[in-house]
Amino acid sequence: SLESDNTKLAPGGFPILITTKKSILGTDTLIGPNYDLGEGEGKAIEELVLRYNEIYCDEDEAKCKAWRGFQPILNEMKEGNAGSSVFTRTGPGGEEEVVDISYAPV
């Protein structure tokens, strides 16, 4: 369980659980920030993690910094790799947030 004693989250941290392949509807998230699959419409994990950022945008656009930082991490996760990394995203108040992420296959 993601809420067990072996899963330690930093203050403000959140667990995520994704599938390795998107469904025919383009969704891959089972559990994400403020989301659970049983709570309605499916979501892609990048829509939840990068909620306040542009996603799927041109690599040359400065506003795509968060997507460019998160996309390689997402690729590693979907390949079943384990690791840790850092990326920057926009927070709910428009401020820049640095996110530390650790991931492993389950």
PDB file of N, CA and C in Angstrom:
ATOM      1  N   SER A   1       0.835  -1.186   0.000  1.00  0.00           N
ATOM      2  CA  SER A   1       0.000   0.000   0.000  1.00  0.00           C
ATOM      3  C   SER A   1       0.871   1.238   0.000  1.00  0.00           C
ATOM      4  N   LEU A   2       0.463   2.276  -0.710  1.00  0.00           N
ATOM      5  CA  LEU A   2       1.229   3.508  -0.762  1.00  0.00           C
ATOM      6  C   LEU A   2       1.138   4.302   0.533  1.00  0.00           C
ATOM      7  N   GLU A   3       0.277   3.900   1.441  1.00  0.00           N
ATOM      8  CA  GLU A   3       0.139   4.613   2.698  1.00  0.00           C
ATOM      9  C   GLU A   3       0.785   3.851   3.856  1.00  0.00           C
ATOM     10  N   SER A   4       1.602   2.859   3.561  1.00  0.00           N
ATOM     11  CA  SER A   4       2.208   2.050   4.616  1.00  0.00           C
ATOM     12  C   SER A   4       3.405   2.767   5.235  1.00  0.00           C
ATOM     13  N   ASP A   5       3.951   2.171   6.273  1.00  0.00           N
ATOM     14  CA  ASP A   5       5.112   2.740   6.944  1.00  0.00           C
ATOM     15  C   ASP A   5       6.363   2.717   6.076  1.00  0.00           C
ATOM     16  N   ASN A   6       6.413   1.879   5.014  1.00  0.00           N
ATOM     17  CA  ASN A   6       7.605   1.854   4.172  1.00  0.00           C
ATOM     18  C   ASN A   6       7.577   2.905   3.069  1.00  0.00           C
ATOM     19  N   THR A   7       6.537   3.670   2.930  1.00  0.00           N
ATOM     20  CA  THR A   7       6.494   4.728   1.931  1.00  0.00           C
ATOM     21  C   THR A   7       6.501   6.067   2.655  1.00  0.00           C
ATOM     22  N   LYS A   8       7.680   6.670   2.758  1.00  0.00           N
ATOM     23  CA  LYS A   8       7.822   7.954   3.437  1.00  0.00           C
ATOM     24  C   LYS A   8       7.720   9.071   2.406  1.00  0.00           C
ATOM     25  N   LEU A   9       6.874  10.046   2.678  1.00  0.00           N
ATOM     26  CA  LEU A   9       6.707  11.188   1.787  1.00  0.00           C
ATOM     27  C   LEU A   9       7.143  12.456   2.509  1.00  0.00           C
ATOM     28  N   ALA A  10       7.781  13.340   1.784  1.00  0.00           N
ATOM     29  CA  ALA A  10       8.166  14.636   2.342  1.00  0.00           C
ATOM     30  C   ALA A  10       6.902  15.457   2.566  1.00  0.00           C
ATOM     31  N   PRO A  11       6.959  16.456   3.444  1.00  0.00           N
ATOM     32  CA  PRO A  11       5.795  17.337   3.611  1.00  0.00           C
ATOM     33  C   PRO A  11       5.366  17.901   2.250  1.00  0.00           C
ATOM     34  N   GLY A  12       4.093  17.802   1.947  1.00  0.00           N
ATOM     35  CA  GLY A  12       3.582  18.248   0.654  1.00  0.00           C
ATOM     36  C   GLY A  12       3.763  17.215  -0.451  1.00  0.00           C
ATOM     37  N   GLY A  13       4.377  16.081  -0.128  1.00  0.00           N
ATOM     38  CA  GLY A  13       4.620  15.039  -1.118  1.00  0.00           C
ATOM     39  C   GLY A  13       3.361  14.252  -1.419  1.00  0.00           C
ATOM     40  N   PHE A  14       3.395  13.516  -2.504  1.00  0.00           N
ATOM     41  CA  PHE A  14       2.231  12.728  -2.900  1.00  0.00           C
ATOM     42  C   PHE A  14       2.682  11.457  -3.598  1.00  0.00           C
ATOM     43  N   PRO A  15       1.962  10.358  -3.403  1.00  0.00           N
ATOM     44  CA  PRO A  15       2.284   9.124  -4.123  1.00  0.00           C
ATOM     45  C   PRO A  15       1.653   9.158  -5.514  1.00  0.00           C
ATOM     46  N   ILE A  16       2.296   8.457  -6.435  1.00  0.00           N
ATOM     47  CA  ILE A  16       1.689   8.253  -7.750  1.00  0.00           C
ATOM     48  C   ILE A  16       1.843   6.776  -8.104  1.00  0.00           C
ATOM     49  N   LEU A  17       0.891   6.268  -8.842  1.00  0.00           N
ATOM     50  CA  LEU A  17       0.941   4.905  -9.351  1.00  0.00           C
ATOM     51  C   LEU A  17       0.397   4.967 -10.768  1.00  0.00           C
ATOM     52  N   ILE A  18       1.247   4.589 -11.723  1.00  0.00           N
ATOM     53  CA  ILE A  18       0.842   4.658 -13.128  1.00  0.00           C
ATOM     54  C   ILE A  18       1.003   3.301 -13.782  1.00  0.00           C
ATOM     55  N   THR A  19       0.397   3.158 -14.940  1.00  0.00           N
ATOM     56  CA  THR A  19       0.587   1.964 -15.752  1.00  0.00           C
ATOM     57  C   THR A  19       1.714   2.242 -16.742  1.00  0.00           C
ATOM     58  N   THR A  20       2.301   1.207 -17.315  1.00  0.00           N
ATOM     59  CA  THR A  20       3.403   1.415 -18.260  1.00  0.00           C
ATOM     60  C   THR A  20       2.917   1.875 -19.627  1.00  0.00           C
ATOM     61  N   LYS A  21       1.660   1.626 -19.924  1.00  0.00           N
ATOM     62  CA  LYS A  21       1.094   2.046 -21.214  1.00  0.00           C
ATOM     63  C   LYS A  21      -0.216   2.764 -20.978  1.00  0.00           C
ATOM     64  N   LYS A  22      -0.475   3.761 -21.801  1.00  0.00           N
ATOM     65  CA  LYS A  22      -1.732   4.502 -21.691  1.00  0.00           C
ATOM     66  C   LYS A  22      -2.886   3.652 -22.215  1.00  0.00           C
ATOM     67  N   SER A  23      -4.054   3.894 -21.670  1.00  0.00           N
ATOM     68  CA  SER A  23      -5.254   3.209 -22.143  1.00  0.00           C
ATOM     69  C   SER A  23      -5.653   3.789 -23.498  1.00  0.00           C
ATOM     70  N   ILE A  24      -6.663   3.237 -24.113  1.00  0.00           N
ATOM     71  CA  ILE A  24      -7.131   3.765 -25.400  1.00  0.00           C
ATOM     72  C   ILE A  24      -7.665   5.190 -25.262  1.00  0.00           C
ATOM     73  N   LEU A  25      -7.939   5.611 -24.031  1.00  0.00           N
ATOM     74  CA  LEU A  25      -8.399   6.983 -23.780  1.00  0.00           C
ATOM     75  C   LEU A  25      -7.242   7.920 -23.438  1.00  0.00           C
ATOM     76  N   GLY A  26      -6.004   7.402 -23.450  1.00  0.00           N
ATOM     77  CA  GLY A  26      -4.838   8.224 -23.168  1.00  0.00           C
ATOM     78  C   GLY A  26      -4.545   8.423 -21.700  1.00  0.00           C
ATOM     79  N   THR A  27      -5.088   7.568 -20.853  1.00  0.00           N
ATOM     80  CA  THR A  27      -4.873   7.704 -19.412  1.00  0.00           C
ATOM     81  C   THR A  27      -3.927   6.618 -18.916  1.00  0.00           C
ATOM     82  N   ASP A  28      -3.195   6.946 -17.855  1.00  0.00           N
ATOM     83  CA  ASP A  28      -2.256   5.975 -17.296  1.00  0.00           C
ATOM     84  C   ASP A  28      -2.174   6.045 -15.776  1.00  0.00           C
ATOM     85  N   THR A  29      -2.955   6.890 -15.135  1.00  0.00           N
ATOM     86  CA  THR A  29      -2.832   7.122 -13.704  1.00  0.00           C
ATOM     87  C   THR A  29      -3.832   6.308 -12.904  1.00  0.00           C
ATOM     88  N   LEU A  30      -3.323   5.608 -11.903  1.00  0.00           N
ATOM     89  CA  LEU A  30      -4.186   4.905 -10.963  1.00  0.00           C
ATOM     90  C   LEU A  30      -4.340   5.737  -9.694  1.00  0.00           C
ATOM     91  N   ILE A  31      -3.210   6.309  -9.218  1.00  0.00           N
ATOM     92  CA  ILE A  31      -3.211   7.198  -8.062  1.00  0.00           C
ATOM     93  C   ILE A  31      -2.275   8.358  -8.387  1.00  0.00           C
ATOM     94  N   GLY A  32      -2.713   9.569  -8.121  1.00  0.00           N
ATOM     95  CA  GLY A  32      -1.888  10.747  -8.365  1.00  0.00           C
ATOM     96  C   GLY A  32      -2.250  11.853  -7.399  1.00  0.00           C
ATOM     97  N   PRO A  33      -1.598  13.018  -7.524  1.00  0.00           N
ATOM     98  CA  PRO A  33      -1.896  14.116  -6.603  1.00  0.00           C
ATOM     99  C   PRO A  33      -3.357  14.536  -6.686  1.00  0.00           C
ATOM    100  N   ASN A  34      -4.058  14.420  -5.572  1.00  0.00           N
ATOM    101  CA  ASN A  34      -5.488  14.762  -5.496  1.00  0.00           C
ATOM    102  C   ASN A  34      -6.333  13.958  -6.473  1.00  0.00           C
ATOM    103  N   TYR A  35      -5.949  12.701  -6.722  1.00  0.00           N
ATOM    104  CA  TYR A  35      -6.671  11.880  -7.701  1.00  0.00           C
ATOM    105  C   TYR A  35      -6.576  10.408  -7.337  1.00  0.00           C
ATOM    106  N   ASP A  36      -7.663   9.691  -7.572  1.00  0.00           N
ATOM    107  CA  ASP A  36      -7.722   8.244  -7.434  1.00  0.00           C
ATOM    108  C   ASP A  36      -8.588   7.748  -8.580  1.00  0.00           C
ATOM    109  N   LEU A  37      -8.200   6.675  -9.239  1.00  0.00           N
ATOM    110  CA  LEU A  37      -8.910   6.165 -10.405  1.00  0.00           C
ATOM    111  C   LEU A  37     -10.408   6.031 -10.168  1.00  0.00           C
ATOM    112  N   GLY A  38     -10.809   5.693  -8.967  1.00  0.00           N
ATOM    113  CA  GLY A  38     -12.222   5.520  -8.668  1.00  0.00           C
ATOM    114  C   GLY A  38     -12.991   6.821  -8.567  1.00  0.00           C
ATOM    115  N   GLU A  39     -12.315   7.956  -8.765  1.00  0.00           N
ATOM    116  CA  GLU A  39     -12.956   9.257  -8.592  1.00  0.00           C
ATOM    117  C   GLU A  39     -13.384   9.900  -9.901  1.00  0.00           C
ATOM    118  N   GLY A  40     -13.660   9.115 -10.910  1.00  0.00           N
ATOM    119  CA  GLY A  40     -14.182   9.698 -12.147  1.00  0.00           C
ATOM    120  C   GLY A  40     -13.277   9.482 -13.335  1.00  0.00           C
ATOM    121  N   GLU A  41     -13.278  10.456 -14.223  1.00  0.00           N
ATOM    122  CA  GLU A  41     -12.578  10.400 -15.497  1.00  0.00           C
ATOM    123  C   GLU A  41     -11.085  10.125 -15.320  1.00  0.00           C
ATOM    124  N   GLY A  42     -10.529   9.267 -16.173  1.00  0.00           N
ATOM    125  CA  GLY A  42      -9.113   8.957 -16.117  1.00  0.00           C
ATOM    126  C   GLY A  42      -8.257  10.156 -16.491  1.00  0.00           C
ATOM    127  N   LYS A  43      -7.014  10.144 -16.041  1.00  0.00           N
ATOM    128  CA  LYS A  43      -6.085  11.242 -16.298  1.00  0.00           C
ATOM    129  C   LYS A  43      -4.722  10.684 -16.686  1.00  0.00           C
ATOM    130  N   ALA A  44      -3.993  11.465 -17.467  1.00  0.00           N
ATOM    131  CA  ALA A  44      -2.580  11.180 -17.722  1.00  0.00           C
ATOM    132  C   ALA A  44      -1.786  11.786 -16.571  1.00  0.00           C
ATOM    133  N   ILE A  45      -0.743  11.106 -16.110  1.00  0.00           N
ATOM    134  CA  ILE A  45      -0.010  11.569 -14.938  1.00  0.00           C
ATOM    135  C   ILE A  45       0.562  12.967 -15.129  1.00  0.00           C
ATOM    136  N   GLU A  46       0.992  13.296 -16.345  1.00  0.00           N
ATOM    137  CA  GLU A  46       1.552  14.630 -16.563  1.00  0.00           C
ATOM    138  C   GLU A  46       0.510  15.735 -16.374  1.00  0.00           C
ATOM    139  N   GLU A  47      -0.758  15.428 -16.607  1.00  0.00           N
ATOM    140  CA  GLU A  47      -1.825  16.415 -16.381  1.00  0.00           C
ATOM    141  C   GLU A  47      -1.993  16.704 -14.896  1.00  0.00           C
ATOM    142  N   LEU A  48      -1.685  15.730 -14.040  1.00  0.00           N
ATOM    143  CA  LEU A  48      -1.819  15.904 -12.597  1.00  0.00           C
ATOM    144  C   LEU A  48      -0.561  16.511 -11.979  1.00  0.00           C
ATOM    145  N   VAL A  49       0.597  15.998 -12.365  1.00  0.00           N
ATOM    146  CA  VAL A  49       1.851  16.481 -11.792  1.00  0.00           C
ATOM    147  C   VAL A  49       2.184  17.882 -12.295  1.00  0.00           C
ATOM    148  N   LEU A  50       1.877  18.157 -13.558  1.00  0.00           N
ATOM    149  CA  LEU A  50       2.178  19.459 -14.163  1.00  0.00           C
ATOM    150  C   LEU A  50       0.897  20.259 -14.380  1.00  0.00           C
ATOM    151  N   ARG A  51       0.027  20.210 -13.424  1.00  0.00           N
ATOM    152  CA  ARG A  51      -1.298  20.833 -13.506  1.00  0.00           C
ATOM    153  C   ARG A  51      -1.268  22.304 -13.916  1.00  0.00           C
ATOM    154  N   TYR A  52      -0.245  23.048 -13.514  1.00  0.00           N
ATOM    155  CA  TYR A  52      -0.188  24.488 -13.779  1.00  0.00           C
ATOM    156  C   TYR A  52       0.836  24.841 -14.851  1.00  0.00           C
ATOM    157  N   ASN A  53       1.246  23.861 -15.647  1.00  0.00           N
ATOM    158  CA  ASN A  53       2.238  24.068 -16.698  1.00  0.00           C
ATOM    159  C   ASN A  53       1.692  23.678 -18.053  1.00  0.00           C
ATOM    160  N   GLU A  54       2.358  24.167 -19.091  1.00  0.00           N
ATOM    161  CA  GLU A  54       2.081  23.711 -20.447  1.00  0.00           C
ATOM    162  C   GLU A  54       2.671  22.314 -20.596  1.00  0.00           C
ATOM    163  N   ILE A  55       1.942  21.434 -21.256  1.00  0.00           N
ATOM    164  CA  ILE A  55       2.484  20.106 -21.538  1.00  0.00           C
ATOM    165  C   ILE A  55       2.281  19.819 -23.016  1.00  0.00           C
ATOM    166  N   TYR A  56       3.030  18.868 -23.526  1.00  0.00           N
ATOM    167  CA  TYR A  56       3.002  18.477 -24.932  1.00  0.00           C
ATOM    168  C   TYR A  56       3.286  19.677 -25.834  1.00  0.00           C
ATOM    169  N   CYS A  57       4.239  20.510 -25.483  1.00  0.00           N
ATOM    170  CA  CYS A  57       4.489  21.709 -26.269  1.00  0.00           C
ATOM    171  C   CYS A  57       5.853  21.640 -26.945  1.00  0.00           C
ATOM    172  N   ASP A  58       6.101  22.604 -27.807  1.00  0.00           N
ATOM    173  CA  ASP A  58       7.323  22.695 -28.592  1.00  0.00           C
ATOM    174  C   ASP A  58       8.529  22.810 -27.668  1.00  0.00           C
ATOM    175  N   GLU A  59       9.555  22.049 -27.957  1.00  0.00           N
ATOM    176  CA  GLU A  59      10.770  22.028 -27.126  1.00  0.00           C
ATOM    177  C   GLU A  59      11.434  23.399 -27.024  1.00  0.00           C
ATOM    178  N   ASP A  60      11.234  24.293 -27.991  1.00  0.00           N
ATOM    179  CA  ASP A  60      11.901  25.585 -27.977  1.00  0.00           C
ATOM    180  C   ASP A  60      11.204  26.610 -27.089  1.00  0.00           C
ATOM    181  N   GLU A  61      10.008  26.340 -26.674  1.00  0.00           N
ATOM    182  CA  GLU A  61       9.255  27.305 -25.883  1.00  0.00           C
ATOM    183  C   GLU A  61       9.713  27.291 -24.427  1.00  0.00           C
ATOM    184  N   ALA A  62      10.017  28.466 -23.884  1.00  0.00           N
ATOM    185  CA  ALA A  62      10.471  28.586 -22.500  1.00  0.00           C
ATOM    186  C   ALA A  62       9.413  28.064 -21.533  1.00  0.00           C
ATOM    187  N   LYS A  63       8.135  28.222 -21.878  1.00  0.00           N
ATOM    188  CA  LYS A  63       7.067  27.775 -20.980  1.00  0.00           C
ATOM    189  C   LYS A  63       6.976  26.253 -20.881  1.00  0.00           C
ATOM    190  N   CYS A  64       7.765  25.541 -21.681  1.00  0.00           N
ATOM    191  CA  CYS A  64       7.756  24.078 -21.663  1.00  0.00           C
ATOM    192  C   CYS A  64       8.823  23.496 -20.755  1.00  0.00           C
ATOM    193  N   LYS A  65       9.480  24.315 -19.958  1.00  0.00           N
ATOM    194  CA  LYS A  65      10.574  23.859 -19.095  1.00  0.00           C
ATOM    195  C   LYS A  65      10.141  22.695 -18.204  1.00  0.00           C
ATOM    196  N   ALA A  66       8.982  22.787 -17.603  1.00  0.00           N
ATOM    197  CA  ALA A  66       8.522  21.723 -16.697  1.00  0.00           C
ATOM    198  C   ALA A  66       8.313  20.411 -17.459  1.00  0.00           C
ATOM    199  N   TRP A  67       7.682  20.471 -18.618  1.00  0.00           N
ATOM    200  CA  TRP A  67       7.444  19.261 -19.414  1.00  0.00           C
ATOM    201  C   TRP A  67       8.765  18.640 -19.850  1.00  0.00           C
ATOM    202  N   ARG A  68       9.708  19.469 -20.288  1.00  0.00           N
ATOM    203  CA  ARG A  68      11.014  18.947 -20.707  1.00  0.00           C
ATOM    204  C   ARG A  68      11.747  18.311 -19.536  1.00  0.00           C
ATOM    205  N   GLY A  69      11.537  18.809 -18.317  1.00  0.00           N
ATOM    206  CA  GLY A  69      12.168  18.223 -17.140  1.00  0.00           C
ATOM    207  C   GLY A  69      11.502  16.941 -16.681  1.00  0.00           C
ATOM    208  N   PHE A  70      10.172  16.878 -16.813  1.00  0.00           N
ATOM    209  CA  PHE A  70       9.433  15.711 -16.321  1.00  0.00           C
ATOM    210  C   PHE A  70       9.387  14.571 -17.339  1.00  0.00           C
ATOM    211  N   GLN A  71       9.376  14.879 -18.624  1.00  0.00           N
ATOM    212  CA  GLN A  71       9.220  13.853 -19.663  1.00  0.00           C
ATOM    213  C   GLN A  71      10.279  12.745 -19.593  1.00  0.00           C
ATOM    214  N   PRO A  72      11.577  13.050 -19.432  1.00  0.00           N
ATOM    215  CA  PRO A  72      12.553  11.946 -19.332  1.00  0.00           C
ATOM    216  C   PRO A  72      12.334  11.083 -18.085  1.00  0.00           C
ATOM    217  N   ILE A  73      11.889  11.696 -16.997  1.00  0.00           N
ATOM    218  CA  ILE A  73      11.593  10.941 -15.778  1.00  0.00           C
ATOM    219  C   ILE A  73      10.417  10.006 -16.031  1.00  0.00           C
ATOM    220  N   LEU A  74       9.379  10.515 -16.667  1.00  0.00           N
ATOM    221  CA  LEU A  74       8.206   9.708 -16.999  1.00  0.00           C
ATOM    222  C   LEU A  74       8.600   8.542 -17.899  1.00  0.00           C
ATOM    223  N   ASN A  75       9.463   8.799 -18.872  1.00  0.00           N
ATOM    224  CA  ASN A  75       9.925   7.725 -19.759  1.00  0.00           C
ATOM    225  C   ASN A  75      10.651   6.640 -18.962  1.00  0.00           C
ATOM    226  N   GLU A  76      11.503   7.048 -18.024  1.00  0.00           N
ATOM    227  CA  GLU A  76      12.213   6.087 -17.171  1.00  0.00           C
ATOM    228  C   GLU A  76      11.216   5.260 -16.358  1.00  0.00           C
ATOM    229  N   MET A  77      10.211   5.917 -15.809  1.00  0.00           N
ATOM    230  CA  MET A  77       9.198   5.221 -15.019  1.00  0.00           C
ATOM    231  C   MET A  77       8.467   4.191 -15.869  1.00  0.00           C
ATOM    232  N   LYS A  78       8.084   4.587 -17.070  1.00  0.00           N
ATOM    233  CA  LYS A  78       7.315   3.690 -17.943  1.00  0.00           C
ATOM    234  C   LYS A  78       8.150   2.532 -18.475  1.00  0.00           C
ATOM    235  N   GLU A  79       9.482   2.699 -18.471  1.00  0.00           N
ATOM    236  CA  GLU A  79      10.365   1.607 -18.879  1.00  0.00           C
ATOM    237  C   GLU A  79      10.624   0.632 -17.728  1.00  0.00           C
ATOM    238  N   GLY A  80      10.057   0.924 -16.547  1.00  0.00           N
ATOM    239  CA  GLY A  80      10.203   0.035 -15.406  1.00  0.00           C
ATOM    240  C   GLY A  80      11.491   0.234 -14.634  1.00  0.00           C
ATOM    241  N   ASN A  81      12.131   1.386 -14.812  1.00  0.00           N
ATOM    242  CA  ASN A  81      13.385   1.669 -14.117  1.00  0.00           C
ATOM    243  C   ASN A  81      13.129   2.271 -12.745  1.00  0.00           C
ATOM    244  N   ALA A  82      14.140   2.215 -11.898  1.00  0.00           N
ATOM    245  CA  ALA A  82      14.103   2.849 -10.580  1.00  0.00           C
ATOM    246  C   ALA A  82      15.123   3.975 -10.576  1.00  0.00           C
ATOM    247  N   GLY A  83      14.830   5.030  -9.835  1.00  0.00           N
ATOM    248  CA  GLY A  83      15.776   6.121  -9.755  1.00  0.00           C
ATOM    249  C   GLY A  83      15.229   7.294  -8.970  1.00  0.00           C
ATOM    250  N   SER A  84      16.012   8.352  -8.959  1.00  0.00           N
ATOM    251  CA  SER A  84      15.627   9.603  -8.310  1.00  0.00           C
ATOM    252  C   SER A  84      16.040  10.731  -9.230  1.00  0.00           C
ATOM    253  N   SER A  85      15.303  11.821  -9.192  1.00  0.00           N
ATOM    254  CA  SER A  85      15.618  12.960 -10.037  1.00  0.00           C
ATOM    255  C   SER A  85      14.965  14.208  -9.462  1.00  0.00           C
ATOM    256  N   VAL A  86      15.197  15.321 -10.112  1.00  0.00           N
ATOM    257  CA  VAL A  86      14.632  16.606  -9.718  1.00  0.00           C
ATOM    258  C   VAL A  86      14.131  17.294 -10.977  1.00  0.00           C
ATOM    259  N   PHE A  87      12.988  17.946 -10.883  1.00  0.00           N
ATOM    260  CA  PHE A  87      12.497  18.783 -11.973  1.00  0.00           C
ATOM    261  C   PHE A  87      11.806  19.993 -11.375  1.00  0.00           C
ATOM    262  N   THR A  88      11.567  20.990 -12.204  1.00  0.00           N
ATOM    263  CA  THR A  88      10.929  22.228 -11.766  1.00  0.00           C
ATOM    264  C   THR A  88       9.564  22.337 -12.423  1.00  0.00           C
ATOM    265  N   ARG A  89       8.591  22.792 -11.651  1.00  0.00           N
ATOM    266  CA  ARG A  89       7.240  22.997 -12.177  1.00  0.00           C
ATOM    267  C   ARG A  89       6.669  24.277 -11.566  1.00  0.00           C
ATOM    268  N   THR A  90       5.519  24.690 -12.069  1.00  0.00           N
ATOM    269  CA  THR A  90       4.815  25.842 -11.527  1.00  0.00           C
ATOM    270  C   THR A  90       3.838  25.362 -10.473  1.00  0.00           C
ATOM    271  N   GLY A  91       3.819  26.039  -9.333  1.00  0.00           N
ATOM    272  CA  GLY A  91       2.900  25.711  -8.254  1.00  0.00           C
ATOM    273  C   GLY A  91       1.574  26.422  -8.425  1.00  0.00           C
ATOM    274  N   PRO A  92       0.613  26.161  -7.554  1.00  0.00           N
ATOM    275  CA  PRO A  92      -0.735  26.725  -7.685  1.00  0.00           C
ATOM    276  C   PRO A  92      -0.770  28.257  -7.606  1.00  0.00           C
ATOM    277  N   GLY A  93       0.208  28.859  -6.951  1.00  0.00           N
ATOM    278  CA  GLY A  93       0.247  30.321  -6.849  1.00  0.00           C
ATOM    279  C   GLY A  93       1.085  30.967  -7.938  1.00  0.00           C
ATOM    280  N   GLY A  94       1.559  30.170  -8.893  1.00  0.00           N
ATOM    281  CA  GLY A  94       2.379  30.693  -9.979  1.00  0.00           C
ATOM    282  C   GLY A  94       3.870  30.687  -9.671  1.00  0.00           C
ATOM    283  N   GLU A  95       4.234  30.247  -8.473  1.00  0.00           N
ATOM    284  CA  GLU A  95       5.641  30.199  -8.085  1.00  0.00           C
ATOM    285  C   GLU A  95       6.319  28.963  -8.668  1.00  0.00           C
ATOM    286  N   GLU A  96       7.631  29.030  -8.835  1.00  0.00           N
ATOM    287  CA  GLU A  96       8.383  27.891  -9.331  1.00  0.00           C
ATOM    288  C   GLU A  96       8.679  26.948  -8.170  1.00  0.00           C
ATOM    289  N   GLU A  97       8.414  25.665  -8.354  1.00  0.00           N
ATOM    290  CA  GLU A  97       8.667  24.644  -7.337  1.00  0.00           C
ATOM    291  C   GLU A  97       9.699  23.656  -7.855  1.00  0.00           C
ATOM    292  N   VAL A  98      10.621  23.274  -7.004  1.00  0.00           N
ATOM    293  CA  VAL A  98      11.561  22.219  -7.317  1.00  0.00           C
ATOM    294  C   VAL A  98      11.018  20.935  -6.704  1.00  0.00           C
ATOM    295  N   VAL A  99      10.861  19.911  -7.517  1.00  0.00           N
ATOM    296  CA  VAL A  99      10.276  18.645  -7.075  1.00  0.00           C
ATOM    297  C   VAL A  99      11.339  17.554  -7.098  1.00  0.00           C
ATOM    298  N   ASP A 100      11.541  16.919  -5.955  1.00  0.00           N
ATOM    299  CA  ASP A 100      12.398  15.727  -5.867  1.00  0.00           C
ATOM    300  C   ASP A 100      11.487  14.530  -6.057  1.00  0.00           C
ATOM    301  N   ILE A 101      11.877  13.630  -6.954  1.00  0.00           N
ATOM    302  CA  ILE A 101      11.038  12.464  -7.222  1.00  0.00           C
ATOM    303  C   ILE A 101      11.887  11.195  -7.169  1.00  0.00           C
ATOM    304  N   SER A 102      11.364  10.184  -6.538  1.00  0.00           N
ATOM    305  CA  SER A 102      11.961   8.841  -6.520  1.00  0.00           C
ATOM    306  C   SER A 102      10.918   7.887  -7.079  1.00  0.00           C
ATOM    307  N   TYR A 103      11.363   6.939  -7.847  1.00  0.00           N
ATOM    308  CA  TYR A 103      10.415   6.022  -8.485  1.00  0.00           C
ATOM    309  C   TYR A 103      11.010   4.632  -8.570  1.00  0.00           C
ATOM    310  N   ALA A 104      10.131   3.647  -8.580  1.00  0.00           N
ATOM    311  CA  ALA A 104      10.530   2.248  -8.687  1.00  0.00           C
ATOM    312  C   ALA A 104       9.339   1.457  -9.209  1.00  0.00           C
ATOM    313  N   PRO A 105       9.591   0.394  -9.930  1.00  0.00           N
ATOM    314  CA  PRO A 105       8.474  -0.443 -10.391  1.00  0.00           C
ATOM    315  C   PRO A 105       7.863  -1.216  -9.236  1.00  0.00           C
ATOM    316  N   VAL A 106       6.575  -1.499  -9.341  1.00  0.00           N
ATOM    317  CA  VAL A 106       5.900  -2.298  -8.315  1.00  0.00           C
ATOM    318  C   VAL A 106       5.282  -3.513  -8.951  1.00  0.00           C
TER     319      VAL A 106
END
